Amino acid sequence: SGKSLKMARAKLRKLLKMQRTPAWLTDFDKLKMSCIYSVAAMLTRENKEPWHVDHIVPLQGKNVCGLHVPSNLQFIRGFDNISKSNKFEVLA
Protein backbone atom coordinates (compact mmCIF):
# COMPACT_ATOMS: atom_id res chain seq x y z
CA SER A 1 0.00 0.00 0.00
CA GLY A 2 1.01 3.65 -0.33
CA LYS A 3 1.40 4.10 3.43
CA SER A 4 3.73 1.11 3.83
CA LEU A 5 5.83 2.27 0.86
CA LYS A 6 6.13 5.73 2.40
CA MET A 7 7.18 4.19 5.73
CA ALA A 8 9.78 1.99 3.99
CA ARG A 9 11.25 5.01 2.21
CA ALA A 10 11.42 6.97 5.48
CA LYS A 11 13.19 4.05 7.17
CA LEU A 12 15.69 3.78 4.30
CA ARG A 13 16.31 7.55 4.44
CA LYS A 14 17.01 7.37 8.17
CA LEU A 15 19.41 4.45 7.62
CA LEU A 16 21.25 6.39 4.88
CA LYS A 17 21.63 9.38 7.19
CA MET A 18 23.07 7.16 9.92
CA GLN A 19 25.50 5.51 7.50
CA ARG A 20 26.64 8.90 6.14
CA THR A 21 27.07 10.52 9.59
CA PRO A 22 30.79 10.42 10.44
CA ALA A 23 31.96 9.27 13.87
CA TRP A 24 34.04 12.47 14.24
CA LEU A 25 30.93 14.70 14.37
CA THR A 26 31.11 16.81 17.53
CA ASP A 27 28.27 17.66 19.90
CA PHE A 28 28.44 21.21 18.55
CA ASP A 29 28.06 19.89 14.97
CA LYS A 30 24.99 17.94 16.10
CA LEU A 31 23.58 21.10 17.71
CA LYS A 32 24.13 23.07 14.46
CA MET A 33 22.30 20.36 12.52
CA SER A 34 19.41 20.42 14.98
CA CYS A 35 19.19 24.21 14.55
CA ILE A 36 19.09 23.85 10.75
CA TYR A 37 16.14 21.45 11.04
CA SER A 38 14.44 23.88 13.48
CA VAL A 39 14.85 26.77 11.02
CA ALA A 40 13.26 24.67 8.24
CA ALA A 41 10.31 23.90 10.54
CA MET A 42 9.99 27.62 11.39
CA LEU A 43 10.08 28.58 7.70
CA THR A 44 7.33 26.03 7.02
CA ARG A 45 5.15 27.53 9.76
CA GLU A 46 5.80 31.16 8.84
CA ASN A 47 5.49 30.80 5.05
CA LYS A 48 2.65 28.25 5.12
CA GLU A 49 4.48 26.06 2.61
CA PRO A 50 6.85 23.12 3.14
CA TRP A 51 10.55 23.82 3.61
CA HIS A 52 13.04 20.95 3.66
CA VAL A 53 16.54 20.39 4.93
CA ASP A 54 18.48 19.45 1.81
CA HIS A 55 21.84 17.74 1.44
CA ILE A 56 23.84 19.91 -0.96
CA VAL A 57 25.84 16.86 -2.04
CA PRO A 58 23.28 14.01 -2.00
CA LEU A 59 23.75 11.17 0.47
CA GLN A 60 23.27 8.71 -2.36
CA GLY A 61 24.17 10.43 -5.61
CA LYS A 62 24.98 8.89 -8.97
CA ASN A 63 28.55 10.25 -9.17
CA VAL A 64 29.29 11.45 -5.65
CA CYS A 65 27.95 10.84 -2.13
CA GLY A 66 27.92 13.49 0.57
CA LEU A 67 28.03 13.28 4.34
CA HIS A 68 25.31 14.09 6.85
CA VAL A 69 27.23 17.06 8.35
CA PRO A 70 26.30 20.71 8.97
CA SER A 71 28.31 22.07 6.05
CA ASN A 72 26.38 19.81 3.64
CA LEU A 73 22.94 21.01 4.79
CA GLN A 74 20.78 23.87 3.57
CA PHE A 75 17.13 24.75 3.94
CA ILE A 76 15.20 24.93 0.70
CA ARG A 77 11.56 25.26 -0.37
CA GLY A 78 10.00 21.82 -0.54
CA PHE A 79 8.86 22.40 -4.12
CA ASP A 80 12.41 23.28 -5.21
CA ASN A 81 13.89 20.32 -3.37
CA ILE A 82 11.49 17.83 -4.96
CA SER A 83 12.04 19.41 -8.39
CA LYS A 84 15.82 18.99 -8.27
CA SER A 85 15.59 15.37 -7.11
CA ASN A 86 18.96 13.80 -6.23
CA LYS A 87 21.12 15.89 -8.57
CA PHE A 88 24.45 17.48 -7.84
CA GLU A 89 26.19 19.42 -10.57
CA VAL A 90 29.99 19.28 -10.59
CA LEU A 91 31.47 22.39 -12.17
CA ALA A 92 34.81 21.95 -13.90
PDB file of N, CA and C in Angstrom:
ATOM      1  N   SER A   1       0.839  -1.199   0.000  1.00  0.00           N
ATOM      2  CA  SER A   1       0.000   0.000   0.000  1.00  0.00           C
ATOM      3  C   SER A   1       0.874   1.248   0.000  1.00  0.00           C
ATOM      4  N   GLY A   2       0.275   2.393  -0.275  1.00  0.00           N
ATOM      5  CA  GLY A   2       1.005   3.652  -0.326  1.00  0.00           C
ATOM      6  C   GLY A   2       1.627   4.030   1.006  1.00  0.00           C
ATOM      7  N   LYS A   3       0.897   3.749   2.093  1.00  0.00           N
ATOM      8  CA  LYS A   3       1.397   4.099   3.430  1.00  0.00           C
ATOM      9  C   LYS A   3       2.627   3.265   3.796  1.00  0.00           C
ATOM     10  N   SER A   4       2.587   1.965   3.497  1.00  0.00           N
ATOM     11  CA  SER A   4       3.727   1.111   3.829  1.00  0.00           C
ATOM     12  C   SER A   4       4.942   1.453   2.969  1.00  0.00           C
ATOM     13  N   LEU A   5       4.725   1.856   1.723  1.00  0.00           N
ATOM     14  CA  LEU A   5       5.826   2.268   0.857  1.00  0.00           C
ATOM     15  C   LEU A   5       6.468   3.545   1.393  1.00  0.00           C
ATOM     16  N   LYS A   6       5.634   4.475   1.834  1.00  0.00           N
ATOM     17  CA  LYS A   6       6.131   5.728   2.400  1.00  0.00           C
ATOM     18  C   LYS A   6       6.948   5.458   3.669  1.00  0.00           C
ATOM     19  N   MET A   7       6.465   4.545   4.505  1.00  0.00           N
ATOM     20  CA  MET A   7       7.184   4.193   5.732  1.00  0.00           C
ATOM     21  C   MET A   7       8.521   3.515   5.409  1.00  0.00           C
ATOM     22  N   ALA A   8       8.535   2.669   4.395  1.00  0.00           N
ATOM     23  CA  ALA A   8       9.776   1.990   3.995  1.00  0.00           C
ATOM     24  C   ALA A   8      10.800   2.995   3.487  1.00  0.00           C
ATOM     25  N   ARG A   9      10.336   3.978   2.713  1.00  0.00           N
ATOM     26  CA  ARG A   9      11.250   5.014   2.212  1.00  0.00           C
ATOM     27  C   ARG A   9      11.813   5.845   3.355  1.00  0.00           C
ATOM     28  N   ALA A  10      10.969   6.190   4.323  1.00  0.00           N
ATOM     29  CA  ALA A  10      11.425   6.974   5.478  1.00  0.00           C
ATOM     30  C   ALA A  10      12.459   6.191   6.281  1.00  0.00           C
ATOM     31  N   LYS A  11      12.239   4.904   6.432  1.00  0.00           N
ATOM     32  CA  LYS A  11      13.186   4.055   7.171  1.00  0.00           C
ATOM     33  C   LYS A  11      14.531   3.981   6.431  1.00  0.00           C
ATOM     34  N   LEU A  12      14.474   3.822   5.111  1.00  0.00           N
ATOM     35  CA  LEU A  12      15.692   3.782   4.301  1.00  0.00           C
ATOM     36  C   LEU A  12      16.437   5.110   4.397  1.00  0.00           C
ATOM     37  N   ARG A  13      15.706   6.224   4.347  1.00  0.00           N
ATOM     38  CA  ARG A  13      16.307   7.551   4.437  1.00  0.00           C
ATOM     39  C   ARG A  13      17.033   7.723   5.775  1.00  0.00           C
ATOM     40  N   LYS A  14      16.397   7.275   6.841  1.00  0.00           N
ATOM     41  CA  LYS A  14      17.010   7.367   8.174  1.00  0.00           C
ATOM     42  C   LYS A  14      18.284   6.516   8.233  1.00  0.00           C
ATOM     43  N   LEU A  15      18.243   5.327   7.653  1.00  0.00           N
ATOM     44  CA  LEU A  15      19.410   4.449   7.622  1.00  0.00           C
ATOM     45  C   LEU A  15      20.549   5.097   6.835  1.00  0.00           C
ATOM     46  N   LEU A  16      20.224   5.706   5.685  1.00  0.00           N
ATOM     47  CA  LEU A  16      21.246   6.390   4.881  1.00  0.00           C
ATOM     48  C   LEU A  16      21.903   7.518   5.668  1.00  0.00           C
ATOM     49  N   LYS A  17      21.082   8.296   6.379  1.00  0.00           N
ATOM     50  CA  LYS A  17      21.634   9.385   7.192  1.00  0.00           C
ATOM     51  C   LYS A  17      22.600   8.843   8.239  1.00  0.00           C
ATOM     52  N   MET A  18      22.207   7.750   8.893  1.00  0.00           N
ATOM     53  CA  MET A  18      23.067   7.161   9.925  1.00  0.00           C
ATOM     54  C   MET A  18      24.381   6.672   9.319  1.00  0.00           C
ATOM     55  N   GLN A  19      24.301   6.034   8.155  1.00  0.00           N
ATOM     56  CA  GLN A  19      25.504   5.510   7.500  1.00  0.00           C
ATOM     57  C   GLN A  19      26.423   6.624   7.025  1.00  0.00           C
ATOM     58  N   ARG A  20      25.860   7.787   6.679  1.00  0.00           N
ATOM     59  CA  ARG A  20      26.638   8.896   6.141  1.00  0.00           C
ATOM     60  C   ARG A  20      26.969   9.940   7.202  1.00  0.00           C
ATOM     61  N   THR A  21      26.714   9.633   8.486  1.00  0.00           N
ATOM     62  CA  THR A  21      27.067  10.523   9.588  1.00  0.00           C
ATOM     63  C   THR A  21      28.406  10.051  10.146  1.00  0.00           C
ATOM     64  N   PRO A  22      29.461  10.865   9.999  1.00  0.00           N
ATOM     65  CA  PRO A  22      30.789  10.421  10.444  1.00  0.00           C
ATOM     66  C   PRO A  22      30.906  10.359  11.962  1.00  0.00           C
ATOM     67  N   ALA A  23      31.744   9.452  12.427  1.00  0.00           N
ATOM     68  CA  ALA A  23      31.959   9.271  13.872  1.00  0.00           C
ATOM     69  C   ALA A  23      32.608  10.500  14.498  1.00  0.00           C
ATOM     70  N   TRP A  24      33.323  11.303  13.698  1.00  0.00           N
ATOM     71  CA  TRP A  24      34.038  12.465  14.239  1.00  0.00           C
ATOM     72  C   TRP A  24      33.149  13.689  14.448  1.00  0.00           C
ATOM     73  N   LEU A  25      31.851  13.580  14.172  1.00  0.00           N
ATOM     74  CA  LEU A  25      30.932  14.699  14.373  1.00  0.00           C
ATOM     75  C   LEU A  25      30.916  15.083  15.852  1.00  0.00           C
ATOM     76  N   THR A  26      31.087  16.347  16.136  1.00  0.00           N
ATOM     77  CA  THR A  26      31.113  16.813  17.526  1.00  0.00           C
ATOM     78  C   THR A  26      29.695  17.108  18.024  1.00  0.00           C
ATOM     79  N   ASP A  27      29.566  17.280  19.328  1.00  0.00           N
ATOM     80  CA  ASP A  27      28.270  17.662  19.899  1.00  0.00           C
ATOM     81  C   ASP A  27      27.821  19.009  19.334  1.00  0.00           C
ATOM     82  N   PHE A  28      28.774  19.916  19.104  1.00  0.00           N
ATOM     83  CA  PHE A  28      28.441  21.213  18.548  1.00  0.00           C
ATOM     84  C   PHE A  28      27.931  21.076  17.109  1.00  0.00           C
ATOM     85  N   ASP A  29      28.547  20.170  16.327  1.00  0.00           N
ATOM     86  CA  ASP A  29      28.060  19.894  14.967  1.00  0.00           C
ATOM     87  C   ASP A  29      26.620  19.396  15.016  1.00  0.00           C
ATOM     88  N   LYS A  30      26.339  18.490  15.950  1.00  0.00           N
ATOM     89  CA  LYS A  30      24.989  17.943  16.096  1.00  0.00           C
ATOM     90  C   LYS A  30      24.000  19.042  16.481  1.00  0.00           C
ATOM     91  N   LEU A  31      24.431  19.972  17.329  1.00  0.00           N
ATOM     92  CA  LEU A  31      23.578  21.101  17.708  1.00  0.00           C
ATOM     93  C   LEU A  31      23.287  21.988  16.495  1.00  0.00           C
ATOM     94  N   LYS A  32      24.326  22.259  15.678  1.00  0.00           N
ATOM     95  CA  LYS A  32      24.125  23.065  14.464  1.00  0.00           C
ATOM     96  C   LYS A  32      23.112  22.395  13.539  1.00  0.00           C
ATOM     97  N   MET A  33      23.214  21.088  13.396  1.00  0.00           N
ATOM     98  CA  MET A  33      22.298  20.364  12.524  1.00  0.00           C
ATOM     99  C   MET A  33      20.867  20.443  13.068  1.00  0.00           C
ATOM    100  N   SER A  34      20.724  20.311  14.359  1.00  0.00           N
ATOM    101  CA  SER A  34      19.408  20.424  14.976  1.00  0.00           C
ATOM    102  C   SER A  34      18.813  21.808  14.731  1.00  0.00           C
ATOM    103  N   CYS A  35      19.649  22.834  14.806  1.00  0.00           N
ATOM    104  CA  CYS A  35      19.191  24.206  14.547  1.00  0.00           C
ATOM    105  C   CYS A  35      18.749  24.375  13.097  1.00  0.00           C
ATOM    106  N   ILE A  36      19.454  23.771  12.170  1.00  0.00           N
ATOM    107  CA  ILE A  36      19.085  23.853  10.754  1.00  0.00           C
ATOM    108  C   ILE A  36      17.700  23.239  10.543  1.00  0.00           C
ATOM    109  N   TYR A  37      17.452  22.088  11.162  1.00  0.00           N
ATOM    110  CA  TYR A  37      16.141  21.453  11.041  1.00  0.00           C
ATOM    111  C   TYR A  37      15.065  22.320  11.705  1.00  0.00           C
ATOM    112  N   SER A  38      15.395  22.985  12.810  1.00  0.00           N
ATOM    113  CA  SER A  38      14.438  23.878  13.480  1.00  0.00           C
ATOM    114  C   SER A  38      14.098  25.078  12.609  1.00  0.00           C
ATOM    115  N   VAL A  39      15.094  25.632  11.916  1.00  0.00           N
ATOM    116  CA  VAL A  39      14.845  26.771  11.022  1.00  0.00           C
ATOM    117  C   VAL A  39      13.919  26.339   9.878  1.00  0.00           C
ATOM    118  N   ALA A  40      14.138  25.157   9.324  1.00  0.00           N
ATOM    119  CA  ALA A  40      13.265  24.665   8.245  1.00  0.00           C
ATOM    120  C   ALA A  40      11.824  24.531   8.745  1.00  0.00           C
ATOM    121  N   ALA A  41      11.657  24.031   9.966  1.00  0.00           N
ATOM    122  CA  ALA A  41      10.309  23.902  10.539  1.00  0.00           C
ATOM    123  C   ALA A  41       9.684  25.285  10.745  1.00  0.00           C
ATOM    124  N   MET A  42      10.492  26.255  11.198  1.00  0.00           N
ATOM    125  CA  MET A  42       9.994  27.615  11.392  1.00  0.00           C
ATOM    126  C   MET A  42       9.588  28.241  10.057  1.00  0.00           C
ATOM    127  N   LEU A  43      10.402  28.051   9.025  1.00  0.00           N
ATOM    128  CA  LEU A  43      10.081  28.577   7.696  1.00  0.00           C
ATOM    129  C   LEU A  43       8.787  27.969   7.164  1.00  0.00           C
ATOM    130  N   THR A  44       8.574  26.687   7.432  1.00  0.00           N
ATOM    131  CA  THR A  44       7.334  26.028   7.022  1.00  0.00           C
ATOM    132  C   THR A  44       6.134  26.682   7.705  1.00  0.00           C
ATOM    133  N   ARG A  45       6.251  26.899   9.009  1.00  0.00           N
ATOM    134  CA  ARG A  45       5.148  27.529   9.756  1.00  0.00           C
ATOM    135  C   ARG A  45       4.893  28.951   9.284  1.00  0.00           C
ATOM    136  N   GLU A  46       5.943  29.742   9.155  1.00  0.00           N
ATOM    137  CA  GLU A  46       5.803  31.164   8.837  1.00  0.00           C
ATOM    138  C   GLU A  46       5.351  31.416   7.404  1.00  0.00           C
ATOM    139  N   ASN A  47       5.805  30.587   6.468  1.00  0.00           N
ATOM    140  CA  ASN A  47       5.487  30.798   5.055  1.00  0.00           C
ATOM    141  C   ASN A  47       4.302  29.974   4.575  1.00  0.00           C
ATOM    142  N   LYS A  48       3.798  29.108   5.456  1.00  0.00           N
ATOM    143  CA  LYS A  48       2.652  28.246   5.123  1.00  0.00           C
ATOM    144  C   LYS A  48       2.878  27.438   3.842  1.00  0.00           C
ATOM    145  N   GLU A  49       4.103  26.979   3.693  1.00  0.00           N
ATOM    146  CA  GLU A  49       4.483  26.065   2.614  1.00  0.00           C
ATOM    147  C   GLU A  49       5.644  25.225   3.127  1.00  0.00           C
ATOM    148  N   PRO A  50       5.797  24.002   2.631  1.00  0.00           N
ATOM    149  CA  PRO A  50       6.852  23.124   3.139  1.00  0.00           C
ATOM    150  C   PRO A  50       8.262  23.626   2.808  1.00  0.00           C
ATOM    151  N   TRP A  51       9.116  23.596   3.790  1.00  0.00           N
ATOM    152  CA  TRP A  51      10.549  23.824   3.614  1.00  0.00           C
ATOM    153  C   TRP A  51      11.252  22.559   4.070  1.00  0.00           C
ATOM    154  N   HIS A  52      12.295  22.168   3.353  1.00  0.00           N
ATOM    155  CA  HIS A  52      13.041  20.947   3.656  1.00  0.00           C
ATOM    156  C   HIS A  52      14.480  21.278   4.035  1.00  0.00           C
ATOM    157  N   VAL A  53      15.093  20.348   4.749  1.00  0.00           N
ATOM    158  CA  VAL A  53      16.540  20.390   4.925  1.00  0.00           C
ATOM    159  C   VAL A  53      17.100  19.514   3.814  1.00  0.00           C
ATOM    160  N   ASP A  54      17.949  20.105   2.999  1.00  0.00           N
ATOM    161  CA  ASP A  54      18.478  19.449   1.807  1.00  0.00           C
ATOM    162  C   ASP A  54      19.967  19.185   1.973  1.00  0.00           C
ATOM    163  N   HIS A  55      20.405  18.032   1.507  1.00  0.00           N
ATOM    164  CA  HIS A  55      21.839  17.745   1.445  1.00  0.00           C
ATOM    165  C   HIS A  55      22.357  18.328   0.131  1.00  0.00           C
ATOM    166  N   ILE A  56      23.283  19.247   0.216  1.00  0.00           N
ATOM    167  CA  ILE A  56      23.841  19.911  -0.963  1.00  0.00           C
ATOM    168  C   ILE A  56      24.457  18.858  -1.885  1.00  0.00           C
ATOM    169  N   VAL A  57      25.314  18.027  -1.324  1.00  0.00           N
ATOM    170  CA  VAL A  57      25.841  16.863  -2.036  1.00  0.00           C
ATOM    171  C   VAL A  57      24.998  15.685  -1.551  1.00  0.00           C
ATOM    172  N   PRO A  58      24.209  15.060  -2.427  1.00  0.00           N
ATOM    173  CA  PRO A  58      23.279  14.006  -2.002  1.00  0.00           C
ATOM    174  C   PRO A  58      23.960  12.876  -1.234  1.00  0.00           C
ATOM    175  N   LEU A  59      23.214  12.299  -0.295  1.00  0.00           N
ATOM    176  CA  LEU A  59      23.750  11.172   0.471  1.00  0.00           C
ATOM    177  C   LEU A  59      23.966   9.956  -0.414  1.00  0.00           C
ATOM    178  N   GLN A  60      23.173   9.858  -1.461  1.00  0.00           N
ATOM    179  CA  GLN A  60      23.273   8.706  -2.357  1.00  0.00           C
ATOM    180  C   GLN A  60      23.153   9.202  -3.795  1.00  0.00           C
ATOM    181  N   GLY A  61      24.175   9.898  -4.258  1.00  0.00           N
ATOM    182  CA  GLY A  61      24.168  10.434  -5.609  1.00  0.00           C
ATOM    183  C   GLY A  61      24.707   9.443  -6.614  1.00  0.00           C
ATOM    184  N   LYS A  62      24.514   9.766  -7.882  1.00  0.00           N
ATOM    185  CA  LYS A  62      24.978   8.891  -8.966  1.00  0.00           C
ATOM    186  C   LYS A  62      26.507   8.911  -9.062  1.00  0.00           C
ATOM    187  N   ASN A  63      27.108  10.116  -8.981  1.00  0.00           N
ATOM    188  CA  ASN A  63      28.552  10.248  -9.171  1.00  0.00           C
ATOM    189  C   ASN A  63      29.320  10.553  -7.893  1.00  0.00           C
ATOM    190  N   VAL A  64      28.621  11.063  -6.887  1.00  0.00           N
ATOM    191  CA  VAL A  64      29.291  11.452  -5.654  1.00  0.00           C
ATOM    192  C   VAL A  64      28.302  11.322  -4.501  1.00  0.00           C
ATOM    193  N   CYS A  65      28.799  10.970  -3.317  1.00  0.00           N
ATOM    194  CA  CYS A  65      27.947  10.845  -2.131  1.00  0.00           C
ATOM    195  C   CYS A  65      28.467  11.786  -1.055  1.00  0.00           C
ATOM    196  N   GLY A  66      27.557  12.542  -0.463  1.00  0.00           N
ATOM    197  CA  GLY A  66      27.920  13.487   0.574  1.00  0.00           C
ATOM    198  C   GLY A  66      27.759  12.892   1.950  1.00  0.00           C
ATOM    199  N   LEU A  67      28.156  13.678   2.940  1.00  0.00           N
ATOM    200  CA  LEU A  67      28.027  13.277   4.336  1.00  0.00           C
ATOM    201  C   LEU A  67      26.867  14.018   4.983  1.00  0.00           C
ATOM    202  N   HIS A  68      26.356  13.452   6.059  1.00  0.00           N
ATOM    203  CA  HIS A  68      25.313  14.094   6.854  1.00  0.00           C
ATOM    204  C   HIS A  68      26.025  14.926   7.923  1.00  0.00           C
ATOM    205  N   VAL A  69      26.476  16.127   7.500  1.00  0.00           N
ATOM    206  CA  VAL A  69      27.227  17.056   8.353  1.00  0.00           C
ATOM    207  C   VAL A  69      26.664  18.465   8.141  1.00  0.00           C
ATOM    208  N   PRO A  70      26.885  19.377   9.102  1.00  0.00           N
ATOM    209  CA  PRO A  70      26.297  20.715   8.973  1.00  0.00           C
ATOM    210  C   PRO A  70      26.656  21.447   7.688  1.00  0.00           C
ATOM    211  N   SER A  71      27.882  21.331   7.236  1.00  0.00           N
ATOM    212  CA  SER A  71      28.315  22.072   6.046  1.00  0.00           C
ATOM    213  C   SER A  71      27.686  21.539   4.754  1.00  0.00           C
ATOM    214  N   ASN A  72      27.032  20.387   4.815  1.00  0.00           N
ATOM    215  CA  ASN A  72      26.376  19.814   3.640  1.00  0.00           C
ATOM    216  C   ASN A  72      24.859  19.999   3.693  1.00  0.00           C
ATOM    217  N   LEU A  73      24.370  20.804   4.640  1.00  0.00           N
ATOM    218  CA  LEU A  73      22.935  21.008   4.792  1.00  0.00           C
ATOM    219  C   LEU A  73      22.545  22.435   4.432  1.00  0.00           C
ATOM    220  N   GLN A  74      21.363  22.553   3.848  1.00  0.00           N
ATOM    221  CA  GLN A  74      20.777  23.865   3.574  1.00  0.00           C
ATOM    222  C   GLN A  74      19.269  23.727   3.697  1.00  0.00           C
ATOM    223  N   PHE A  75      18.583  24.828   3.999  1.00  0.00           N
ATOM    224  CA  PHE A  75      17.126  24.754   3.936  1.00  0.00           C
ATOM    225  C   PHE A  75      16.693  25.288   2.584  1.00  0.00           C
ATOM    226  N   ILE A  76      15.646  24.653   2.056  1.00  0.00           N
ATOM    227  CA  ILE A  76      15.197  24.927   0.703  1.00  0.00           C
ATOM    228  C   ILE A  76      13.681  24.697   0.647  1.00  0.00           C
ATOM    229  N   ARG A  77      13.003  25.477  -0.193  1.00  0.00           N
ATOM    230  CA  ARG A  77      11.560  25.265  -0.365  1.00  0.00           C
ATOM    231  C   ARG A  77      11.322  23.821  -0.793  1.00  0.00           C
ATOM    232  N   GLY A  78      10.313  23.206  -0.217  1.00  0.00           N
ATOM    233  CA  GLY A  78       9.999  21.820  -0.538  1.00  0.00           C
ATOM    234  C   GLY A  78       9.807  21.598  -2.021  1.00  0.00           C
ATOM    235  N   PHE A  79       9.098  22.513  -2.677  1.00  0.00           N
ATOM    236  CA  PHE A  79       8.860  22.397  -4.121  1.00  0.00           C
ATOM    237  C   PHE A  79      10.183  22.348  -4.883  1.00  0.00           C
ATOM    238  N   ASP A  80      11.110  23.242  -4.522  1.00  0.00           N
ATOM    239  CA  ASP A  80      12.405  23.285  -5.213  1.00  0.00           C
ATOM    240  C   ASP A  80      13.215  22.021  -4.945  1.00  0.00           C
ATOM    241  N   ASN A  81      13.144  21.518  -3.725  1.00  0.00           N
ATOM    242  CA  ASN A  81      13.892  20.316  -3.368  1.00  0.00           C
ATOM    243  C   ASN A  81      13.384  19.106  -4.144  1.00  0.00           C
ATOM    244  N   ILE A  82      12.071  18.962  -4.227  1.00  0.00           N
ATOM    245  CA  ILE A  82      11.494  17.833  -4.957  1.00  0.00           C
ATOM    246  C   ILE A  82      11.786  17.956  -6.456  1.00  0.00           C
ATOM    247  N   SER A  83      11.784  19.184  -6.968  1.00  0.00           N
ATOM    248  CA  SER A  83      12.042  19.410  -8.391  1.00  0.00           C
ATOM    249  C   SER A  83      13.456  19.019  -8.794  1.00  0.00           C
ATOM    250  N   LYS A  84      14.431  19.269  -7.903  1.00  0.00           N
ATOM    251  CA  LYS A  84      15.823  18.986  -8.269  1.00  0.00           C
ATOM    252  C   LYS A  84      16.178  17.524  -8.077  1.00  0.00           C
ATOM    253  N   SER A  85      15.374  16.778  -7.344  1.00  0.00           N
ATOM    254  CA  SER A  85      15.589  15.370  -7.112  1.00  0.00           C
ATOM    255  C   SER A  85      16.921  15.139  -6.417  1.00  0.00           C
ATOM    256  N   ASN A  86      17.711  14.183  -6.891  1.00  0.00           N
ATOM    257  CA  ASN A  86      18.958  13.798  -6.230  1.00  0.00           C
ATOM    258  C   ASN A  86      20.152  14.236  -7.068  1.00  0.00           C
ATOM    259  N   LYS A  87      20.087  15.433  -7.636  1.00  0.00           N
ATOM    260  CA  LYS A  87      21.116  15.888  -8.566  1.00  0.00           C
ATOM    261  C   LYS A  87      22.138  16.781  -7.886  1.00  0.00           C
ATOM    262  N   PHE A  88      23.362  16.617  -8.283  1.00  0.00           N
ATOM    263  CA  PHE A  88      24.448  17.482  -7.835  1.00  0.00           C
ATOM    264  C   PHE A  88      25.319  17.774  -9.037  1.00  0.00           C
ATOM    265  N   GLU A  89      25.431  19.049  -9.385  1.00  0.00           N
ATOM    266  CA  GLU A  89      26.192  19.416 -10.570  1.00  0.00           C
ATOM    267  C   GLU A  89      27.628  19.718 -10.175  1.00  0.00           C
ATOM    268  N   VAL A  90      28.567  19.049 -10.825  1.00  0.00           N
ATOM    269  CA  VAL A  90      29.990  19.284 -10.592  1.00  0.00           C
ATOM    270  C   VAL A  90      30.474  20.239 -11.662  1.00  0.00           C
ATOM    271  N   LEU A  91      30.970  21.394 -11.223  1.00  0.00           N
ATOM    272  CA  LEU A  91      31.467  22.391 -12.171  1.00  0.00           C
ATOM    273  C   LEU A  91      32.953  22.209 -12.375  1.00  0.00           C
ATOM    274  N   ALA A  92      33.380  22.150 -13.614  1.00  0.00           N
ATOM    275  CA  ALA A  92      34.807  21.949 -13.904  1.00  0.00           C
ATOM    276  C   ALA A  92      35.487  23.274 -14.147  1.00  0.00           C
TER     277      ALA A  92
END
